[in-house]
Amino acid sequence: ELLQFPDVVDQVLTDFYPHRICEYLYNISGVFTQFVTKCFVLDAKNPAMMKSRLVLCEATGRVMRKCFEMLGITPLHRI
């Protein structure tokens, strides 16, 4: 899902439908919620897996912040 971000941006720039960013943001937030619900991100028993999951969380946050920025929305950092 995260790898589709450049394609979504290109599509928005081509067809001028900014709602596609909202749809993309909605989809990745759902996938991310499922991921953190099913997987233990902070797993001290397996440091390598923990690191890769933290990298994935950071990458998701960056993409989501960029989407919000493109939509002119100030994201909340904590809820």
C-alpha atoms as a PDB file:
ATOM      1  CA  GLU A   1       0.000   0.000   0.000  1.00  0.00           C
ATOM      2  CA  LEU A   2       2.723   2.520   0.901  1.00  0.00           C
ATOM      3  CA  LEU A   3       4.501   1.899  -2.387  1.00  0.00           C
ATOM      4  CA  GLN A   4       1.412   3.136  -4.238  1.00  0.00           C
ATOM      5  CA  PHE A   5       1.825   6.661  -2.867  1.00  0.00           C
ATOM      6  CA  PRO A   6       3.755   8.089  -5.868  1.00  0.00           C
ATOM      7  CA  ASP A   7       1.189   6.569  -8.238  1.00  0.00           C
ATOM      8  CA  VAL A   8      -1.696   8.098  -6.298  1.00  0.00           C
ATOM      9  CA  VAL A   9      -0.027  11.521  -6.381  1.00  0.00           C
ATOM     10  CA  ASP A  10       0.623  11.207 -10.116  1.00  0.00           C
ATOM     11  CA  GLN A  11      -2.988  10.228 -10.699  1.00  0.00           C
ATOM     12  CA  VAL A  12      -4.241  13.223  -8.693  1.00  0.00           C
ATOM     13  CA  LEU A  13      -1.978  15.546 -10.652  1.00  0.00           C
ATOM     14  CA  THR A  14      -3.231  14.066 -13.914  1.00  0.00           C
ATOM     15  CA  ASP A  15      -6.983  13.988 -13.325  1.00  0.00           C
ATOM     16  CA  PHE A  16      -7.343  16.698 -10.643  1.00  0.00           C
ATOM     17  CA  TYR A  17      -9.384  14.515  -8.263  1.00  0.00           C
ATOM     18  CA  PRO A  18      -7.949  15.260  -4.803  1.00  0.00           C
ATOM     19  CA  HIS A  19     -10.455  12.907  -3.182  1.00  0.00           C
ATOM     20  CA  ARG A  20      -8.172  10.078  -4.305  1.00  0.00           C
ATOM     21  CA  ILE A  21      -5.727  11.195  -1.611  1.00  0.00           C
ATOM     22  CA  CYS A  22      -8.513  10.878   0.968  1.00  0.00           C
ATOM     23  CA  GLU A  23      -9.363   7.386  -0.265  1.00  0.00           C
ATOM     24  CA  TYR A  24      -5.706   6.376  -0.180  1.00  0.00           C
ATOM     25  CA  LEU A  25      -5.262   7.814   3.307  1.00  0.00           C
ATOM     26  CA  TYR A  26      -8.369   5.982   4.497  1.00  0.00           C
ATOM     27  CA  ASN A  27      -7.086   2.700   3.043  1.00  0.00           C
ATOM     28  CA  ILE A  28      -3.599   2.902   4.523  1.00  0.00           C
ATOM     29  CA  SER A  29      -4.958   3.915   7.914  1.00  0.00           C
ATOM     30  CA  GLY A  30      -7.163   0.814   7.891  1.00  0.00           C
ATOM     31  CA  VAL A  31      -4.290  -1.450   6.880  1.00  0.00           C
ATOM     32  CA  PHE A  32      -2.042   0.136   9.507  1.00  0.00           C
ATOM     33  CA  THR A  33      -4.682  -0.338  12.208  1.00  0.00           C
ATOM     34  CA  GLN A  34      -4.932  -4.023  11.305  1.00  0.00           C
ATOM     35  CA  PHE A  35      -1.146  -4.323  11.379  1.00  0.00           C
ATOM     36  CA  VAL A  36      -0.674  -2.810  14.846  1.00  0.00           C
ATOM     37  CA  THR A  37      -3.653  -4.795  16.156  1.00  0.00           C
ATOM     38  CA  LYS A  38      -2.306  -8.158  14.976  1.00  0.00           C
ATOM     39  CA  CYS A  39       1.458  -7.654  15.351  1.00  0.00           C
ATOM     40  CA  PHE A  40       3.510  -6.816  18.397  1.00  0.00           C
ATOM     41  CA  VAL A  41       5.600  -3.884  17.205  1.00  0.00           C
ATOM     42  CA  LEU A  42       7.672  -3.533  20.377  1.00  0.00           C
ATOM     43  CA  ASP A  43       8.732  -7.167  20.647  1.00  0.00           C
ATOM     44  CA  ALA A  44      11.861  -7.313  22.803  1.00  0.00           C
ATOM     45  CA  LYS A  45      12.257 -11.043  22.073  1.00  0.00           C
ATOM     46  CA  ASN A  46      13.095 -10.382  18.429  1.00  0.00           C
ATOM     47  CA  PRO A  47      15.037  -7.110  17.983  1.00  0.00           C
ATOM     48  CA  ALA A  48      15.398  -7.461  14.199  1.00  0.00           C
ATOM     49  CA  MET A  49      11.653  -7.875  13.695  1.00  0.00           C
ATOM     50  CA  MET A  50      10.962  -5.034  16.107  1.00  0.00           C
ATOM     51  CA  LYS A  51      13.272  -2.758  14.134  1.00  0.00           C
ATOM     52  CA  SER A  52      11.662  -3.618  10.802  1.00  0.00           C
ATOM     53  CA  ARG A  53       8.182  -3.060  12.235  1.00  0.00           C
ATOM     54  CA  LEU A  54       9.236   0.293  13.690  1.00  0.00           C
ATOM     55  CA  VAL A  55      10.613   1.303  10.291  1.00  0.00           C
ATOM     56  CA  LEU A  56       7.288   0.340   8.718  1.00  0.00           C
ATOM     57  CA  CYS A  57       5.423   2.411  11.335  1.00  0.00           C
ATOM     58  CA  GLU A  58       7.657   5.415  10.659  1.00  0.00           C
ATOM     59  CA  ALA A  59       7.216   5.086   6.895  1.00  0.00           C
ATOM     60  CA  THR A  60       3.446   4.892   7.321  1.00  0.00           C
ATOM     61  CA  GLY A  61       3.496   8.010   9.487  1.00  0.00           C
ATOM     62  CA  ARG A  62       5.535   9.907   6.917  1.00  0.00           C
ATOM     63  CA  VAL A  63       3.187   9.002   4.080  1.00  0.00           C
ATOM     64  CA  MET A  64       0.130   9.869   6.163  1.00  0.00           C
ATOM     65  CA  ARG A  65       1.620  13.231   7.190  1.00  0.00           C
ATOM     66  CA  LYS A  66       2.396  13.983   3.547  1.00  0.00           C
ATOM     67  CA  CYS A  67      -1.182  13.153   2.556  1.00  0.00           C
ATOM     68  CA  PHE A  68      -2.540  15.433   5.267  1.00  0.00           C
ATOM     69  CA  GLU A  69      -0.152  18.176   4.170  1.00  0.00           C
ATOM     70  CA  MET A  70      -1.311  17.849   0.568  1.00  0.00           C
ATOM     71  CA  LEU A  71      -4.918  18.167   1.749  1.00  0.00           C
ATOM     72  CA  GLY A  72      -4.121  21.218   3.888  1.00  0.00           C
ATOM     73  CA  ILE A  73      -4.898  19.400   7.136  1.00  0.00           C
ATOM     74  CA  THR A  74      -2.731  19.708  10.242  1.00  0.00           C
ATOM     75  CA  PRO A  75      -2.396  16.154  11.596  1.00  0.00           C
ATOM     76  CA  LEU A  76      -2.694  15.300  15.261  1.00  0.00           C
ATOM     77  CA  HIS A  77       0.415  13.679  16.664  1.00  0.00           C
ATOM     78  CA  ARG A  78      -1.424  12.090  19.585  1.00  0.00           C
ATOM     79  CA  ILE A  79      -5.022  11.358  20.373  1.00  0.00           C
END
